PDB file of N, CA and C in Angstrom:
ATOM      1  N   UNK A   1      55.380-136.306 -18.249  1.00  0.00           N
ATOM      2  CA  UNK A   1      55.979-137.029 -19.378  1.00  0.00           C
ATOM      3  C   UNK A   1      55.997-136.103 -20.629  1.00  0.00           C
ATOM      4  N   UNK A   2      57.248-136.076 -21.076  1.00  0.00           N
ATOM      5  CA  UNK A   2      57.631-135.201 -22.280  1.00  0.00           C
ATOM      6  C   UNK A   2      57.037-135.939 -23.541  1.00  0.00           C
ATOM      7  N   UNK A   3      56.453-135.265 -24.414  1.00  0.00           N
ATOM      8  CA  UNK A   3      55.896-135.803 -25.598  1.00  0.00           C
ATOM      9  C   UNK A   3      56.243-134.903 -26.723  1.00  0.00           C
ATOM     10  N   UNK A   4      57.064-135.361 -27.761  1.00  0.00           N
ATOM     11  CA  UNK A   4      57.471-134.444 -28.788  1.00  0.00           C
ATOM     12  C   UNK A   4      56.291-134.256 -29.934  1.00  0.00           C
ATOM     13  N   UNK A   5      55.203-135.032 -29.695  1.00  0.00           N
ATOM     14  CA  UNK A   5      54.145-134.954 -30.705  1.00  0.00           C
ATOM     15  C   UNK A   5      52.866-134.239 -30.178  1.00  0.00           C
ATOM     16  N   UNK A   6      52.878-133.528 -29.173  1.00  0.00           N
ATOM     17  CA  UNK A   6      51.655-132.847 -28.651  1.00  0.00           C
ATOM     18  C   UNK A   6      51.198-132.015 -29.824  1.00  0.00           C
ATOM     19  N   UNK A   7      49.925-132.077 -30.000  1.00  0.00           N
ATOM     20  CA  UNK A   7      49.252-131.311 -31.092  1.00  0.00           C
ATOM     21  C   UNK A   7      49.384-131.826 -32.480  1.00  0.00           C
ATOM     22  N   UNK A   8      50.186-132.810 -32.699  1.00  0.00           N
ATOM     23  CA  UNK A   8      50.436-133.308 -34.034  1.00  0.00           C
ATOM     24  C   UNK A   8      49.847-134.739 -34.159  1.00  0.00           C
ATOM     25  N   UNK A   9      48.439-134.740 -33.903  1.00  0.00           N
ATOM     26  CA  UNK A   9      47.792-135.992 -33.955  1.00  0.00           C
ATOM     27  C   UNK A   9      46.467-135.916 -34.517  1.00  0.00           C
ATOM     28  N   UNK A  10      45.690-137.048 -34.823  1.00  0.00           N
ATOM     29  CA  UNK A  10      44.371-137.078 -35.273  1.00  0.00           C
ATOM     30  C   UNK A  10      43.650-137.842 -34.086  1.00  0.00           C
ATOM     31  N   UNK A  11      42.314-137.509 -34.097  1.00  0.00           N
ATOM     32  CA  UNK A  11      41.627-138.333 -32.944  1.00  0.00           C
ATOM     33  C   UNK A  11      41.352-139.722 -33.433  1.00  0.00           C
ATOM     34  N   UNK A  12      40.954-140.640 -32.644  1.00  0.00           N
ATOM     35  CA  UNK A  12      40.777-142.022 -32.921  1.00  0.00           C
ATOM     36  C   UNK A  12      39.803-142.276 -33.964  1.00  0.00           C
ATOM     37  N   UNK A  13      38.883-141.343 -34.284  1.00  0.00           N
ATOM     38  CA  UNK A  13      38.003-141.562 -35.495  1.00  0.00           C
ATOM     39  C   UNK A  13      38.787-141.771 -36.709  1.00  0.00           C
ATOM     40  N   UNK A  14      39.936-141.025 -36.904  1.00  0.00           N
ATOM     41  CA  UNK A  14      40.721-141.155 -38.100  1.00  0.00           C
ATOM     42  C   UNK A  14      41.439-142.373 -38.249  1.00  0.00           C
ATOM     43  N   UNK A  15      41.651-143.201 -37.174  1.00  0.00           N
ATOM     44  CA  UNK A  15      42.283-144.564 -37.226  1.00  0.00           C
ATOM     45  C   UNK A  15      41.334-145.661 -37.000  1.00  0.00           C
ATOM     46  N   UNK A  16      39.997-145.338 -36.971  1.00  0.00           N
ATOM     47  CA  UNK A  16      38.894-146.436 -36.693  1.00  0.00           C
ATOM     48  C   UNK A  16      38.870-147.372 -37.825  1.00  0.00           C
ATOM     49  N   UNK A  17      39.097-147.164 -38.941  1.00  0.00           N
ATOM     50  CA  UNK A  17      39.151-148.081 -40.052  1.00  0.00           C
ATOM     51  C   UNK A  17      40.246-149.098 -39.915  1.00  0.00           C
ATOM     52  N   UNK A  18      41.428-148.708 -39.888  1.00  0.00           N
ATOM     53  CA  UNK A  18      42.534-149.748 -39.742  1.00  0.00           C
ATOM     54  C   UNK A  18      42.434-150.704 -38.578  1.00  0.00           C
ATOM     55  N   UNK A  19      42.097-150.064 -37.312  1.00  0.00           N
ATOM     56  CA  UNK A  19      41.979-150.867 -36.119  1.00  0.00           C
ATOM     57  C   UNK A  19      40.710-151.736 -36.252  1.00  0.00           C
ATOM     58  N   UNK A  20      39.596-151.175 -36.901  1.00  0.00           N
ATOM     59  CA  UNK A  20      38.412-151.946 -36.941  1.00  0.00           C
ATOM     60  C   UNK A  20      38.640-153.205 -37.913  1.00  0.00           C
ATOM     61  N   UNK A  21      39.416-152.934 -38.989  1.00  0.00           N
ATOM     62  CA  UNK A  21      39.651-154.091 -39.925  1.00  0.00           C
ATOM     63  C   UNK A  21      40.491-155.186 -39.169  1.00  0.00           C
ATOM     64  N   UNK A  22      41.414-154.803 -38.329  1.00  0.00           N
ATOM     65  CA  UNK A  22      42.297-155.730 -37.668  1.00  0.00           C
ATOM     66  C   UNK A  22      41.551-156.377 -36.586  1.00  0.00           C
ATOM     67  N   UNK A  23      40.572-155.772 -35.974  1.00  0.00           N
ATOM     68  CA  UNK A  23      39.809-156.304 -34.845  1.00  0.00           C
ATOM     69  C   UNK A  23      38.536-156.933 -35.189  1.00  0.00           C
ATOM     70  N   UNK A  24      37.980-156.536 -36.348  1.00  0.00           N
ATOM     71  CA  UNK A  24      36.625-157.050 -36.822  1.00  0.00           C
ATOM     72  C   UNK A  24      35.493-156.489 -36.097  1.00  0.00           C
ATOM     73  N   UNK A  25      35.658-155.210 -35.590  1.00  0.00           N
ATOM     74  CA  UNK A  25      34.682-154.479 -34.919  1.00  0.00           C
ATOM     75  C   UNK A  25      34.629-153.046 -35.270  1.00  0.00           C
ATOM     76  N   UNK A  26      33.804-152.253 -34.872  1.00  0.00           N
ATOM     77  CA  UNK A  26      33.748-150.826 -34.830  1.00  0.00           C
ATOM     78  C   UNK A  26      34.674-150.363 -33.735  1.00  0.00           C
ATOM     79  N   UNK A  27      35.953-150.121 -34.045  1.00  0.00           N
ATOM     80  CA  UNK A  27      36.963-149.756 -33.024  1.00  0.00           C
ATOM     81  C   UNK A  27      36.523-148.360 -32.343  1.00  0.00           C
ATOM     82  N   UNK A  28      35.907-147.491 -33.014  1.00  0.00           N
ATOM     83  CA  UNK A  28      35.651-146.211 -32.577  1.00  0.00           C
ATOM     84  C   UNK A  28      34.727-146.194 -31.268  1.00  0.00           C
ATOM     85  N   UNK A  29      33.977-147.372 -31.045  1.00  0.00           N
ATOM     86  CA  UNK A  29      33.065-147.416 -30.034  1.00  0.00           C
ATOM     87  C   UNK A  29      33.587-148.145 -28.770  1.00  0.00           C
ATOM     88  N   UNK A  30      34.803-148.624 -28.987  1.00  0.00           N
ATOM     89  CA  UNK A  30      35.395-149.377 -27.850  1.00  0.00           C
ATOM     90  C   UNK A  30      35.924-148.351 -26.803  1.00  0.00           C
ATOM     91  N   UNK A  31      35.994-148.826 -25.513  1.00  0.00           N
ATOM     92  CA  UNK A  31      36.676-148.015 -24.471  1.00  0.00           C
ATOM     93  C   UNK A  31      37.859-148.646 -24.018  1.00  0.00           C
ATOM     94  N   UNK A  32      39.013-147.821 -24.113  1.00  0.00           N
ATOM     95  CA  UNK A  32      40.281-148.254 -23.628  1.00  0.00           C
ATOM     96  C   UNK A  32      40.564-147.699 -22.258  1.00  0.00           C
ATOM     97  N   UNK A  33      41.022-148.461 -21.297  1.00  0.00           N
ATOM     98  CA  UNK A  33      41.354-147.992 -19.935  1.00  0.00           C
ATOM     99  C   UNK A  33      42.930-147.854 -19.931  1.00  0.00           C
ATOM    100  N   UNK A  34      43.448-146.722 -19.751  1.00  0.00           N
ATOM    101  CA  UNK A  34      44.884-146.583 -19.705  1.00  0.00           C
ATOM    102  C   UNK A  34      45.564-147.291 -18.487  1.00  0.00           C
ATOM    103  N   UNK A  35      46.538-148.040 -18.841  1.00  0.00           N
ATOM    104  CA  UNK A  35      47.270-148.860 -17.721  1.00  0.00           C
ATOM    105  C   UNK A  35      48.051-147.860 -16.799  1.00  0.00           C
ATOM    106  N   UNK A  36      48.376-146.716 -17.413  1.00  0.00           N
ATOM    107  CA  UNK A  36      49.214-145.739 -16.563  1.00  0.00           C
ATOM    108  C   UNK A  36      48.467-144.906 -15.630  1.00  0.00           C
ATOM    109  N   UNK A  37      47.344-144.228 -16.210  1.00  0.00           N
ATOM    110  CA  UNK A  37      46.643-143.183 -15.383  1.00  0.00           C
ATOM    111  C   UNK A  37      45.268-143.793 -14.977  1.00  0.00           C
ATOM    112  N   UNK A  38      44.788-144.812 -15.596  1.00  0.00           N
ATOM    113  CA  UNK A  38      43.445-145.334 -15.304  1.00  0.00           C
ATOM    114  C   UNK A  38      42.283-144.692 -15.981  1.00  0.00           C
ATOM    115  N   UNK A  39      42.533-143.703 -16.839  1.00  0.00           N
ATOM    116  CA  UNK A  39      41.445-143.050 -17.537  1.00  0.00           C
ATOM    117  C   UNK A  39      40.731-143.939 -18.560  1.00  0.00           C
ATOM    118  N   UNK A  40      39.460-144.013 -18.653  1.00  0.00           N
ATOM    119  CA  UNK A  40      38.743-144.734 -19.588  1.00  0.00           C
ATOM    120  C   UNK A  40      38.373-143.834 -20.711  1.00  0.00           C
ATOM    121  N   UNK A  41      38.654-144.050 -21.894  1.00  0.00           N
ATOM    122  CA  UNK A  41      38.374-143.139 -22.928  1.00  0.00           C
ATOM    123  C   UNK A  41      37.777-144.042 -24.248  1.00  0.00           C
ATOM    124  N   UNK A  42      36.899-143.351 -24.878  1.00  0.00           N
ATOM    125  CA  UNK A  42      36.329-143.951 -26.084  1.00  0.00           C
ATOM    126  C   UNK A  42      37.560-144.018 -27.133  1.00  0.00           C
ATOM    127  N   UNK A  43      37.790-145.072 -27.951  1.00  0.00           N
ATOM    128  CA  UNK A  43      38.780-144.909 -28.860  1.00  0.00           C
ATOM    129  C   UNK A  43      38.737-143.769 -29.785  1.00  0.00           C
ATOM    130  N   UNK A  44      37.571-143.256 -30.033  1.00  0.00           N
ATOM    131  CA  UNK A  44      37.432-141.965 -30.870  1.00  0.00           C
ATOM    132  C   UNK A  44      37.916-140.863 -30.234  1.00  0.00           C
ATOM    133  N   UNK A  45      38.143-140.838 -29.003  1.00  0.00           N
ATOM    134  CA  UNK A  45      38.673-139.582 -28.255  1.00  0.00           C
ATOM    135  C   UNK A  45      40.129-139.708 -28.081  1.00  0.00           C
ATOM    136  N   UNK A  46      40.822-140.858 -28.379  1.00  0.00           N
ATOM    137  CA  UNK A  46      42.253-140.973 -28.201  1.00  0.00           C
ATOM    138  C   UNK A  46      43.007-140.068 -29.176  1.00  0.00           C
ATOM    139  N   UNK A  47      44.406-139.905 -28.974  1.00  0.00           N
ATOM    140  CA  UNK A  47      45.205-139.228 -29.778  1.00  0.00           C
ATOM    141  C   UNK A  47      45.997-140.290 -30.646  1.00  0.00           C
ATOM    142  N   UNK A  48      45.921-140.152 -31.987  1.00  0.00           N
ATOM    143  CA  UNK A  48      46.613-141.133 -32.754  1.00  0.00           C
ATOM    144  C   UNK A  48      47.676-140.471 -33.603  1.00  0.00           C
ATOM    145  N   UNK A  49      48.865-141.024 -33.693  1.00  0.00           N
ATOM    146  CA  UNK A  49      50.061-140.668 -34.374  1.00  0.00           C
ATOM    147  C   UNK A  49      50.403-141.513 -35.533  1.00  0.00           C
ATOM    148  N   UNK A  50      50.623-141.084 -36.704  1.00  0.00           N
ATOM    149  CA  UNK A  50      50.887-141.919 -37.847  1.00  0.00           C
ATOM    150  C   UNK A  50      52.377-141.714 -38.239  1.00  0.00           C
ATOM    151  N   UNK A  51      53.042-142.885 -38.222  1.00  0.00           N
ATOM    152  CA  UNK A  51      54.511-142.848 -38.576  1.00  0.00           C
ATOM    153  C   UNK A  51      54.746-144.249 -39.223  1.00  0.00           C
ATOM    154  N   UNK A  52      55.649-144.897 -38.726  1.00  0.00           N
ATOM    155  CA  UNK A  52      55.864-146.218 -39.234  1.00  0.00           C
ATOM    156  C   UNK A  52      54.624-147.242 -39.112  1.00  0.00           C
ATOM    157  N   UNK A  53      53.766-146.819 -38.195  1.00  0.00           N
ATOM    158  CA  UNK A  53      52.655-147.460 -37.910  1.00  0.00           C
ATOM    159  C   UNK A  53      51.672-146.430 -37.229  1.00  0.00           C
ATOM    160  N   UNK A  54      50.583-146.936 -36.588  1.00  0.00           N
ATOM    161  CA  UNK A  54      49.696-145.981 -35.871  1.00  0.00           C
ATOM    162  C   UNK A  54      49.852-146.164 -34.403  1.00  0.00           C
ATOM    163  N   UNK A  55      50.064-145.182 -33.685  1.00  0.00           N
ATOM    164  CA  UNK A  55      50.259-145.157 -32.257  1.00  0.00           C
ATOM    165  C   UNK A  55      49.157-144.405 -31.573  1.00  0.00           C
ATOM    166  N   UNK A  56      48.436-145.079 -30.656  1.00  0.00           N
ATOM    167  CA  UNK A  56      47.307-144.543 -29.968  1.00  0.00           C
ATOM    168  C   UNK A  56      47.728-144.128 -28.575  1.00  0.00           C
ATOM    169  N   UNK A  57      47.541-142.927 -28.223  1.00  0.00           N
ATOM    170  CA  UNK A  57      47.850-142.418 -26.945  1.00  0.00           C
ATOM    171  C   UNK A  57      46.648-142.004 -26.129  1.00  0.00           C
ATOM    172  N   UNK A  58      46.761-142.140 -24.807  1.00  0.00           N
ATOM    173  CA  UNK A  58      45.775-141.633 -23.862  1.00  0.00           C
ATOM    174  C   UNK A  58      45.555-140.118 -23.983  1.00  0.00           C
ATOM    175  N   UNK A  59      44.397-139.611 -24.057  1.00  0.00           N
ATOM    176  CA  UNK A  59      44.236-138.143 -24.223  1.00  0.00           C
ATOM    177  C   UNK A  59      44.451-137.469 -22.783  1.00  0.00           C
ATOM    178  N   UNK A  60      44.686-138.273 -21.744  1.00  0.00           N
ATOM    179  CA  UNK A  60      44.934-137.639 -20.405  1.00  0.00           C
ATOM    180  C   UNK A  60      46.332-137.500 -20.070  1.00  0.00           C
ATOM    181  N   UNK A  61      47.089-138.573 -20.277  1.00  0.00           N
ATOM    182  CA  UNK A  61      48.431-138.587 -19.796  1.00  0.00           C
ATOM    183  C   UNK A  61      49.422-138.894 -20.967  1.00  0.00           C
ATOM    184  N   UNK A  62      48.962-139.025 -22.128  1.00  0.00           N
ATOM    185  CA  UNK A  62      49.747-139.279 -23.451  1.00  0.00           C
ATOM    186  C   UNK A  62      50.488-140.654 -23.427  1.00  0.00           C
ATOM    187  N   UNK A  63      50.206-141.533 -22.485  1.00  0.00           N
ATOM    188  CA  UNK A  63      50.889-142.874 -22.601  1.00  0.00           C
ATOM    189  C   UNK A  63      50.386-143.610 -23.705  1.00  0.00           C
ATOM    190  N   UNK A  64      51.215-144.512 -24.283  1.00  0.00           N
ATOM    191  CA  UNK A  64      50.769-145.327 -25.430  1.00  0.00           C
ATOM    192  C   UNK A  64      49.842-146.453 -24.906  1.00  0.00           C
ATOM    193  N   UNK A  65      48.608-146.400 -25.628  1.00  0.00           N
ATOM    194  CA  UNK A  65      47.673-147.442 -25.366  1.00  0.00           C
ATOM    195  C   UNK A  65      47.614-148.586 -26.158  1.00  0.00           C
ATOM    196  N   UNK A  66      47.985-148.297 -27.504  1.00  0.00           N
ATOM    197  CA  UNK A  66      47.878-149.305 -28.598  1.00  0.00           C
ATOM    198  C   UNK A  66      48.766-148.900 -29.755  1.00  0.00           C
ATOM    199  N   UNK A  67      49.262-149.945 -30.402  1.00  0.00           N
ATOM    200  CA  UNK A  67      49.994-149.745 -31.724  1.00  0.00           C
ATOM    201  C   UNK A  67      49.489-150.632 -32.698  1.00  0.00           C
ATOM    202  N   UNK A  68      49.491-150.226 -34.017  1.00  0.00           N
ATOM    203  CA  UNK A  68      49.188-151.054 -35.130  1.00  0.00           C
ATOM    204  C   UNK A  68      50.008-150.887 -36.403  1.00  0.00           C
ATOM    205  N   UNK A  69      50.653-151.903 -36.760  1.00  0.00           N
ATOM    206  CA  UNK A  69      51.585-151.921 -37.920  1.00  0.00           C
ATOM    207  C   UNK A  69      50.929-152.877 -38.948  1.00  0.00           C
ATOM    208  N   UNK A  70      50.821-152.489 -40.193  1.00  0.00           N
ATOM    209  CA  UNK A  70      50.163-153.351 -41.296  1.00  0.00           C
ATOM    210  C   UNK A  70      51.282-153.669 -42.296  1.00  0.00           C
ATOM    211  N   UNK A  71      51.288-154.903 -42.753  1.00  0.00           N
ATOM    212  CA  UNK A  71      52.039-155.198 -43.851  1.00  0.00           C
ATOM    213  C   UNK A  71      50.991-155.658 -44.943  1.00  0.00           C
ATOM    214  N   UNK A  72      51.453-156.012 -46.106  1.00  0.00           N
ATOM    215  CA  UNK A  72      50.619-156.556 -47.213  1.00  0.00           C
ATOM    216  C   UNK A  72      49.745-157.750 -46.800  1.00  0.00           C
ATOM    217  N   UNK A  73      50.190-158.525 -45.808  1.00  0.00           N
ATOM    218  CA  UNK A  73      49.613-159.765 -45.448  1.00  0.00           C
ATOM    219  C   UNK A  73      49.101-159.878 -43.992  1.00  0.00           C
ATOM    220  N   UNK A  74      49.603-158.905 -43.034  1.00  0.00           N
ATOM    221  CA  UNK A  74      49.316-159.026 -41.697  1.00  0.00           C
ATOM    222  C   UNK A  74      49.038-157.624 -41.051  1.00  0.00           C
ATOM    223  N   UNK A  75      48.479-157.770 -39.855  1.00  0.00           N
ATOM    224  CA  UNK A  75      48.288-156.732 -39.024  1.00  0.00           C
ATOM    225  C   UNK A  75      48.985-156.978 -37.700  1.00  0.00           C
ATOM    226  N   UNK A  76      49.879-156.240 -37.199  1.00  0.00           N
ATOM    227  CA  UNK A  76      50.486-156.436 -35.950  1.00  0.00           C
ATOM    228  C   UNK A  76      49.905-155.484 -34.922  1.00  0.00           C
ATOM    229  N   UNK A  77      49.151-156.060 -33.891  1.00  0.00           N
ATOM    230  CA  UNK A  77      48.499-155.114 -32.933  1.00  0.00           C
ATOM    231  C   UNK A  77      49.088-155.439 -31.515  1.00  0.00           C
ATOM    232  N   UNK A  78      49.314-154.241 -30.854  1.00  0.00           N
ATOM    233  CA  UNK A  78      49.883-154.287 -29.578  1.00  0.00           C
ATOM    234  C   UNK A  78      48.945-153.368 -28.594  1.00  0.00           C
ATOM    235  N   UNK A  79      48.319-154.082 -27.627  1.00  0.00           N
ATOM    236  CA  UNK A  79      47.328-153.482 -26.847  1.00  0.00           C
ATOM    237  C   UNK A  79      47.896-153.300 -25.328  1.00  0.00           C
ATOM    238  N   UNK A  80      49.174-153.518 -25.194  1.00  0.00           N
ATOM    239  CA  UNK A  80      49.704-153.771 -23.773  1.00  0.00           C
ATOM    240  C   UNK A  80      49.552-152.448 -22.895  1.00  0.00           C
ATOM    241  N   UNK A  81      49.330-151.229 -23.455  1.00  0.00           N
ATOM    242  CA  UNK A  81      49.169-150.007 -22.786  1.00  0.00           C
ATOM    243  C   UNK A  81      47.793-149.903 -22.151  1.00  0.00           C
ATOM    244  N   UNK A  82      46.915-150.700 -22.738  1.00  0.00           N
ATOM    245  CA  UNK A  82      45.500-150.628 -22.306  1.00  0.00           C
ATOM    246  C   UNK A  82      45.127-151.584 -21.122  1.00  0.00           C
ATOM    247  N   UNK A  83      44.822-151.186 -20.017  1.00  0.00           N
ATOM    248  CA  UNK A  83      44.545-152.143 -18.935  1.00  0.00           C
ATOM    249  C   UNK A  83      43.224-153.005 -19.361  1.00  0.00           C
ATOM    250  N   UNK A  84      42.383-152.371 -20.008  1.00  0.00           N
ATOM    251  CA  UNK A  84      41.295-153.212 -20.595  1.00  0.00           C
ATOM    252  C   UNK A  84      40.715-152.509 -21.826  1.00  0.00           C
ATOM    253  N   UNK A  85      39.975-153.403 -22.601  1.00  0.00           N
ATOM    254  CA  UNK A  85      39.316-152.905 -23.826  1.00  0.00           C
ATOM    255  C   UNK A  85      37.892-153.362 -23.710  1.00  0.00           C
ATOM    256  N   UNK A  86      36.974-152.414 -23.625  1.00  0.00           N
ATOM    257  CA  UNK A  86      35.570-152.804 -23.538  1.00  0.00           C
ATOM    258  C   UNK A  86      34.891-152.635 -24.866  1.00  0.00           C
ATOM    259  N   UNK A  87      34.275-153.662 -25.325  1.00  0.00           N
ATOM    260  CA  UNK A  87      33.565-153.679 -26.584  1.00  0.00           C
ATOM    261  C   UNK A  87      32.144-153.741 -26.475  1.00  0.00           C
ATOM    262  N   UNK A  88      31.367-152.694 -26.832  1.00  0.00           N
ATOM    263  CA  UNK A  88      29.952-152.698 -26.845  1.00  0.00           C
ATOM    264  C   UNK A  88      29.350-153.840 -27.624  1.00  0.00           C
ATOM    265  N   UNK A  89      28.348-154.600 -27.187  1.00  0.00           N
ATOM    266  CA  UNK A  89      27.719-155.660 -27.988  1.00  0.00           C
ATOM    267  C   UNK A  89      26.451-155.243 -28.419  1.00  0.00           C
ATOM    268  N   UNK A  90      25.896-155.780 -29.508  1.00  0.00           N
ATOM    269  CA  UNK A  90      24.659-155.375 -29.953  1.00  0.00           C
ATOM    270  C   UNK A  90      23.578-155.904 -28.980  1.00  0.00           C
ATOM    271  N   UNK A  91      22.578-155.252 -28.852  1.00  0.00           N
ATOM    272  CA  UNK A  91      21.435-155.759 -27.981  1.00  0.00           C
ATOM    273  C   UNK A  91      20.857-156.976 -28.442  1.00  0.00           C
ATOM    274  N   UNK A  92      20.721-158.040 -27.594  1.00  0.00           N
ATOM    275  CA  UNK A  92      20.107-159.206 -27.932  1.00  0.00           C
ATOM    276  C   UNK A  92      21.303-160.262 -28.444  1.00  0.00           C
ATOM    277  N   UNK A  93      22.577-159.930 -28.462  1.00  0.00           N
ATOM    278  CA  UNK A  93      23.433-160.795 -28.934  1.00  0.00           C
ATOM    279  C   UNK A  93      23.660-161.952 -28.087  1.00  0.00           C
ATOM    280  N   UNK A  94      23.933-163.140 -28.573  1.00  0.00           N
ATOM    281  CA  UNK A  94      24.024-164.308 -27.786  1.00  0.00           C
ATOM    282  C   UNK A  94      25.341-164.239 -26.948  1.00  0.00           C
ATOM    283  N   UNK A  95      25.278-164.938 -25.796  1.00  0.00           N
ATOM    284  CA  UNK A  95      26.435-164.883 -24.805  1.00  0.00           C
ATOM    285  C   UNK A  95      27.500-165.883 -25.167  1.00  0.00           C
TER     286      UNK A  95
END
């Protein structure tokens, strides 16, 4: 897959704040499984591109995992490129 942005990214840690605010969790510790190649990666390991919004790509195949666009009043979140999103829970948290 051709990608015009190879090397022009930040890691997921750099986008953890905006995604964490939208999701209400520490996004950097979540694990995203790529719907294209099946690779499971910590959000912190993903490749994030900043333009009209934030685009999160798989570090293995560069497919889009997630997108986030913020306005003054809303956050638009698209996770359709992630087959699953695993969120670690605090020990002893209720079911």
